[in-house]
């Protein structure tokens, strides 16, 4: 399966040094999260439930 990585819509562009990409992994595996500056450096694998929890936690903190 080819993973289609999607860059965060909050990315500031080419010079943004804090950007992540998300990709839906094989069915039942979950969501992949990787550093957009190092796409060959591996990724963090989260279940759909873990990813939803991460998003809820992120929403609690204002952007700096």
PDB file of N, CA and C in Angstrom:
ATOM      1  N   UNK A   1       0.837  -1.189   0.000  1.00  0.00           N
ATOM      2  CA  UNK A   1       0.000   0.000   0.000  1.00  0.00           C
ATOM      3  C   UNK A   1       0.878   1.247   0.000  1.00  0.00           C
ATOM      4  N   UNK A   2       0.561   2.181  -0.851  1.00  0.00           N
ATOM      5  CA  UNK A   2       1.261   3.464  -0.895  1.00  0.00           C
ATOM      6  C   UNK A   2       0.552   4.430   0.047  1.00  0.00           C
ATOM      7  N   UNK A   3       1.315   5.027   0.946  1.00  0.00           N
ATOM      8  CA  UNK A   3       0.750   6.000   1.888  1.00  0.00           C
ATOM      9  C   UNK A   3       0.797   7.372   1.244  1.00  0.00           C
ATOM     10  N   UNK A   4      -0.319   8.050   1.221  1.00  0.00           N
ATOM     11  CA  UNK A   4      -0.370   9.432   0.724  1.00  0.00           C
ATOM     12  C   UNK A   4      -0.249  10.358   1.921  1.00  0.00           C
ATOM     13  N   UNK A   5       0.893  11.005   2.015  1.00  0.00           N
ATOM     14  CA  UNK A   5       1.160  11.900   3.133  1.00  0.00           C
ATOM     15  C   UNK A   5       0.568  13.263   2.840  1.00  0.00           C
ATOM     16  N   UNK A   6      -0.006  13.873   3.859  1.00  0.00           N
ATOM     17  CA  UNK A   6      -0.637  15.186   3.718  1.00  0.00           C
ATOM     18  C   UNK A   6      -0.005  16.141   4.726  1.00  0.00           C
ATOM     19  N   UNK A   7       0.454  17.269   4.222  1.00  0.00           N
ATOM     20  CA  UNK A   7       1.090  18.276   5.072  1.00  0.00           C
ATOM     21  C   UNK A   7       0.029  19.059   5.833  1.00  0.00           C
ATOM     22  N   UNK A   8       0.342  19.451   7.035  1.00  0.00           N
ATOM     23  CA  UNK A   8      -0.576  20.209   7.865  1.00  0.00           C
ATOM     24  C   UNK A   8      -1.021  21.495   7.178  1.00  0.00           C
ATOM     25  N   UNK A   9      -2.294  21.816   7.296  1.00  0.00           N
ATOM     26  CA  UNK A   9      -2.809  23.063   6.723  1.00  0.00           C
ATOM     27  C   UNK A   9      -2.312  24.277   7.500  1.00  0.00           C
ATOM     28  N   UNK A  10      -1.741  24.043   8.670  1.00  0.00           N
ATOM     29  CA  UNK A  10      -1.205  25.138   9.482  1.00  0.00           C
ATOM     30  C   UNK A  10       0.268  25.400   9.194  1.00  0.00           C
ATOM     31  N   UNK A  11       0.796  24.717   8.197  1.00  0.00           N
ATOM     32  CA  UNK A  11       2.187  24.914   7.832  1.00  0.00           C
ATOM     33  C   UNK A  11       2.387  26.328   7.320  1.00  0.00           C
ATOM     34  N   UNK A  12       3.513  26.908   7.690  1.00  0.00           N
ATOM     35  CA  UNK A  12       3.825  28.268   7.272  1.00  0.00           C
ATOM     36  C   UNK A  12       4.532  28.346   5.938  1.00  0.00           C
ATOM     37  N   UNK A  13       4.680  27.249   5.254  1.00  0.00           N
ATOM     38  CA  UNK A  13       5.347  27.256   3.956  1.00  0.00           C
ATOM     39  C   UNK A  13       6.709  26.604   4.003  1.00  0.00           C
ATOM     40  N   UNK A  14       7.523  26.913   3.020  1.00  0.00           N
ATOM     41  CA  UNK A  14       8.823  26.270   2.846  1.00  0.00           C
ATOM     42  C   UNK A  14       9.736  26.490   4.051  1.00  0.00           C
ATOM     43  N   UNK A  15       9.697  27.669   4.654  1.00  0.00           N
ATOM     44  CA  UNK A  15      10.597  27.985   5.762  1.00  0.00           C
ATOM     45  C   UNK A  15      10.049  27.590   7.129  1.00  0.00           C
ATOM     46  N   UNK A  16       8.913  26.942   7.179  1.00  0.00           N
ATOM     47  CA  UNK A  16       8.331  26.515   8.449  1.00  0.00           C
ATOM     48  C   UNK A  16       9.110  25.308   8.960  1.00  0.00           C
ATOM     49  N   UNK A  17       9.704  25.431  10.139  1.00  0.00           N
ATOM     50  CA  UNK A  17      10.534  24.361  10.683  1.00  0.00           C
ATOM     51  C   UNK A  17       9.783  23.488  11.684  1.00  0.00           C
ATOM     52  N   UNK A  18       8.469  23.673  11.800  1.00  0.00           N
ATOM     53  CA  UNK A  18       7.682  22.896  12.744  1.00  0.00           C
ATOM     54  C   UNK A  18       6.466  22.314  12.036  1.00  0.00           C
ATOM     55  N   UNK A  19       6.687  21.509  11.051  1.00  0.00           N
ATOM     56  CA  UNK A  19       5.582  20.982  10.264  1.00  0.00           C
ATOM     57  C   UNK A  19       5.566  19.463  10.294  1.00  0.00           C
ATOM     58  N   UNK A  20       4.383  18.911  10.361  1.00  0.00           N
ATOM     59  CA  UNK A  20       4.218  17.468  10.329  1.00  0.00           C
ATOM     60  C   UNK A  20       3.359  17.069   9.143  1.00  0.00           C
ATOM     61  N   UNK A  21       3.452  15.799   8.787  1.00  0.00           N
ATOM     62  CA  UNK A  21       2.610  15.233   7.745  1.00  0.00           C
ATOM     63  C   UNK A  21       1.881  14.036   8.341  1.00  0.00           C
ATOM     64  N   UNK A  22       0.677  13.806   7.845  1.00  0.00           N
ATOM     65  CA  UNK A  22      -0.144  12.689   8.294  1.00  0.00           C
ATOM     66  C   UNK A  22      -0.420  11.776   7.120  1.00  0.00           C
ATOM     67  N   UNK A  23      -0.542  10.506   7.396  1.00  0.00           N
ATOM     68  CA  UNK A  23      -0.890   9.551   6.358  1.00  0.00           C
ATOM     69  C   UNK A  23      -1.671   8.393   6.940  1.00  0.00           C
ATOM     70  N   UNK A  24      -2.758   8.002   6.266  1.00  0.00           N
ATOM     71  CA  UNK A  24      -3.514   6.835   6.726  1.00  0.00           C
ATOM     72  C   UNK A  24      -2.756   5.594   6.277  1.00  0.00           C
ATOM     73  N   UNK A  25      -2.432   4.753   7.243  1.00  0.00           N
ATOM     74  CA  UNK A  25      -1.686   3.541   6.972  1.00  0.00           C
ATOM     75  C   UNK A  25      -2.650   2.430   6.568  1.00  0.00           C
ATOM     76  N   UNK A  26      -2.168   1.246   6.369  1.00  0.00           N
ATOM     77  CA  UNK A  26      -3.012   0.124   5.953  1.00  0.00           C
ATOM     78  C   UNK A  26      -4.190  -0.035   6.905  1.00  0.00           C
ATOM     79  N   UNK A  27      -5.264  -0.582   6.396  1.00  0.00           N
ATOM     80  CA  UNK A  27      -6.474  -0.785   7.173  1.00  0.00           C
ATOM     81  C   UNK A  27      -6.166  -1.498   8.493  1.00  0.00           C
ATOM     82  N   UNK A  28      -6.642  -0.923   9.587  1.00  0.00           N
ATOM     83  CA  UNK A  28      -6.423  -1.513  10.894  1.00  0.00           C
ATOM     84  C   UNK A  28      -5.115  -1.138  11.554  1.00  0.00           C
ATOM     85  N   UNK A  29      -4.236  -0.458  10.822  1.00  0.00           N
ATOM     86  CA  UNK A  29      -2.930  -0.082  11.380  1.00  0.00           C
ATOM     87  C   UNK A  29      -3.013   1.274  12.071  1.00  0.00           C
ATOM     88  N   UNK A  30      -3.640   2.250  11.441  1.00  0.00           N
ATOM     89  CA  UNK A  30      -3.807   3.558  12.058  1.00  0.00           C
ATOM     90  C   UNK A  30      -3.318   4.711  11.211  1.00  0.00           C
ATOM     91  N   UNK A  31      -2.819   5.734  11.904  1.00  0.00           N
ATOM     92  CA  UNK A  31      -2.390   6.982  11.288  1.00  0.00           C
ATOM     93  C   UNK A  31      -0.884   7.142  11.494  1.00  0.00           C
ATOM     94  N   UNK A  32      -0.179   7.509  10.429  1.00  0.00           N
ATOM     95  CA  UNK A  32       1.244   7.780  10.524  1.00  0.00           C
ATOM     96  C   UNK A  32       1.463   9.283  10.661  1.00  0.00           C
ATOM     97  N   UNK A  33       2.419   9.648  11.506  1.00  0.00           N
ATOM     98  CA  UNK A  33       2.785  11.056  11.717  1.00  0.00           C
ATOM     99  C   UNK A  33       4.291  11.150  11.518  1.00  0.00           C
ATOM    100  N   UNK A  34       4.718  12.060  10.629  1.00  0.00           N
ATOM    101  CA  UNK A  34       6.155  12.193  10.383  1.00  0.00           C
ATOM    102  C   UNK A  34       6.552  13.656  10.242  1.00  0.00           C
ATOM    103  N   UNK A  35       7.836  13.891  10.357  1.00  0.00           N
ATOM    104  CA  UNK A  35       8.436  15.212  10.191  1.00  0.00           C
ATOM    105  C   UNK A  35       8.538  15.493   8.693  1.00  0.00           C
ATOM    106  N   UNK A  36       7.924  16.567   8.228  1.00  0.00           N
ATOM    107  CA  UNK A  36       7.930  16.873   6.798  1.00  0.00           C
ATOM    108  C   UNK A  36       9.328  17.211   6.283  1.00  0.00           C
ATOM    109  N   UNK A  37      10.234  17.618   7.165  1.00  0.00           N
ATOM    110  CA  UNK A  37      11.599  17.933   6.742  1.00  0.00           C
ATOM    111  C   UNK A  37      12.448  16.681   6.578  1.00  0.00           C
ATOM    112  N   UNK A  38      11.991  15.553   7.137  1.00  0.00           N
ATOM    113  CA  UNK A  38      12.751  14.311   7.086  1.00  0.00           C
ATOM    114  C   UNK A  38      11.821  13.144   6.742  1.00  0.00           C
ATOM    115  N   UNK A  39      11.261  13.159   5.528  1.00  0.00           N
ATOM    116  CA  UNK A  39      10.272  12.145   5.177  1.00  0.00           C
ATOM    117  C   UNK A  39      10.803  10.713   5.164  1.00  0.00           C
ATOM    118  N   UNK A  40      12.106  10.535   5.060  1.00  0.00           N
ATOM    119  CA  UNK A  40      12.679   9.189   5.069  1.00  0.00           C
ATOM    120  C   UNK A  40      13.133   8.766   6.460  1.00  0.00           C
ATOM    121  N   UNK A  41      12.905   9.616   7.449  1.00  0.00           N
ATOM    122  CA  UNK A  41      13.371   9.353   8.808  1.00  0.00           C
ATOM    123  C   UNK A  41      12.435   8.501   9.649  1.00  0.00           C
ATOM    124  N   UNK A  42      11.414   7.958   9.048  1.00  0.00           N
ATOM    125  CA  UNK A  42      10.483   7.128   9.804  1.00  0.00           C
ATOM    126  C   UNK A  42       9.250   7.914  10.232  1.00  0.00           C
ATOM    127  N   UNK A  43       8.341   7.223  10.892  1.00  0.00           N
ATOM    128  CA  UNK A  43       7.118   7.876  11.345  1.00  0.00           C
ATOM    129  C   UNK A  43       6.620   7.248  12.639  1.00  0.00           C
ATOM    130  N   UNK A  44       5.799   7.962  13.325  1.00  0.00           N
ATOM    131  CA  UNK A  44       5.130   7.513  14.531  1.00  0.00           C
ATOM    132  C   UNK A  44       3.807   6.906  14.093  1.00  0.00           C
ATOM    133  N   UNK A  45       3.470   5.731  14.576  1.00  0.00           N
ATOM    134  CA  UNK A  45       2.209   5.092  14.237  1.00  0.00           C
ATOM    135  C   UNK A  45       1.256   5.191  15.424  1.00  0.00           C
ATOM    136  N   UNK A  46       0.088   5.776  15.190  1.00  0.00           N
ATOM    137  CA  UNK A  46      -0.940   5.909  16.219  1.00  0.00           C
ATOM    138  C   UNK A  46      -2.210   5.208  15.752  1.00  0.00           C
ATOM    139  N   UNK A  47      -2.905   4.577  16.687  1.00  0.00           N
ATOM    140  CA  UNK A  47      -4.215   4.031  16.337  1.00  0.00           C
ATOM    141  C   UNK A  47      -5.143   5.219  16.082  1.00  0.00           C
ATOM    142  N   UNK A  48      -6.267   4.971  15.457  1.00  0.00           N
ATOM    143  CA  UNK A  48      -7.225   6.051  15.213  1.00  0.00           C
ATOM    144  C   UNK A  48      -7.658   6.665  16.546  1.00  0.00           C
ATOM    145  N   UNK A  49      -7.855   5.842  17.550  1.00  0.00           N
ATOM    146  CA  UNK A  49      -8.251   6.335  18.881  1.00  0.00           C
ATOM    147  C   UNK A  49      -7.147   7.198  19.506  1.00  0.00           C
ATOM    148  N   UNK A  50      -5.902   6.738  19.417  1.00  0.00           N
ATOM    149  CA  UNK A  50      -4.780   7.517  19.952  1.00  0.00           C
ATOM    150  C   UNK A  50      -4.647   8.849  19.222  1.00  0.00           C
ATOM    151  N   UNK A  51      -4.817   8.827  17.903  1.00  0.00           N
ATOM    152  CA  UNK A  51      -4.711  10.056  17.114  1.00  0.00           C
ATOM    153  C   UNK A  51      -5.804  11.043  17.515  1.00  0.00           C
ATOM    154  N   UNK A  52      -7.022  10.554  17.696  1.00  0.00           N
ATOM    155  CA  UNK A  52      -8.130  11.428  18.124  1.00  0.00           C
ATOM    156  C   UNK A  52      -7.819  12.044  19.484  1.00  0.00           C
ATOM    157  N   UNK A  53      -7.242  11.273  20.386  1.00  0.00           N
ATOM    158  CA  UNK A  53      -6.856  11.798  21.698  1.00  0.00           C
ATOM    159  C   UNK A  53      -5.772  12.854  21.589  1.00  0.00           C
ATOM    160  N   UNK A  54      -4.818  12.636  20.704  1.00  0.00           N
ATOM    161  CA  UNK A  54      -3.761  13.628  20.479  1.00  0.00           C
ATOM    162  C   UNK A  54      -4.356  14.943  19.981  1.00  0.00           C
ATOM    163  N   UNK A  55      -5.263  14.860  19.030  1.00  0.00           N
ATOM    164  CA  UNK A  55      -5.889  16.069  18.485  1.00  0.00           C
ATOM    165  C   UNK A  55      -6.644  16.811  19.584  1.00  0.00           C
ATOM    166  N   UNK A  56      -7.356  16.099  20.434  1.00  0.00           N
ATOM    167  CA  UNK A  56      -8.087  16.747  21.532  1.00  0.00           C
ATOM    168  C   UNK A  56      -7.118  17.456  22.480  1.00  0.00           C
ATOM    169  N   UNK A  57      -5.981  16.857  22.756  1.00  0.00           N
ATOM    170  CA  UNK A  57      -4.986  17.495  23.622  1.00  0.00           C
ATOM    171  C   UNK A  57      -4.398  18.732  22.965  1.00  0.00           C
ATOM    172  N   UNK A  58      -4.105  18.664  21.689  1.00  0.00           N
ATOM    173  CA  UNK A  58      -3.537  19.800  20.970  1.00  0.00           C
ATOM    174  C   UNK A  58      -4.514  20.974  20.975  1.00  0.00           C
ATOM    175  N   UNK A  59      -5.783  20.706  20.827  1.00  0.00           N
ATOM    176  CA  UNK A  59      -6.792  21.761  20.815  1.00  0.00           C
ATOM    177  C   UNK A  59      -6.872  22.530  22.121  1.00  0.00           C
ATOM    178  N   UNK A  60      -6.399  21.946  23.209  1.00  0.00           N
ATOM    179  CA  UNK A  60      -6.455  22.592  24.523  1.00  0.00           C
ATOM    180  C   UNK A  60      -5.389  23.673  24.692  1.00  0.00           C
ATOM    181  N   UNK A  61      -4.388  23.674  23.820  1.00  0.00           N
ATOM    182  CA  UNK A  61      -3.295  24.636  23.952  1.00  0.00           C
ATOM    183  C   UNK A  61      -3.295  25.619  22.786  1.00  0.00           C
ATOM    184  N   UNK A  62      -3.268  26.926  23.088  1.00  0.00           N
ATOM    185  CA  UNK A  62      -3.263  27.929  22.004  1.00  0.00           C
ATOM    186  C   UNK A  62      -1.925  27.920  21.251  1.00  0.00           C
ATOM    187  N   UNK A  63      -1.982  28.277  19.995  1.00  0.00           N
ATOM    188  CA  UNK A  63      -0.766  28.361  19.189  1.00  0.00           C
ATOM    189  C   UNK A  63       0.111  29.487  19.688  1.00  0.00           C
ATOM    190  N   UNK A  64       1.390  29.313  19.574  1.00  0.00           N
ATOM    191  CA  UNK A  64       2.328  30.361  20.024  1.00  0.00           C
ATOM    192  C   UNK A  64       2.806  31.171  18.856  1.00  0.00           C
TER     193      UNK A  64
END
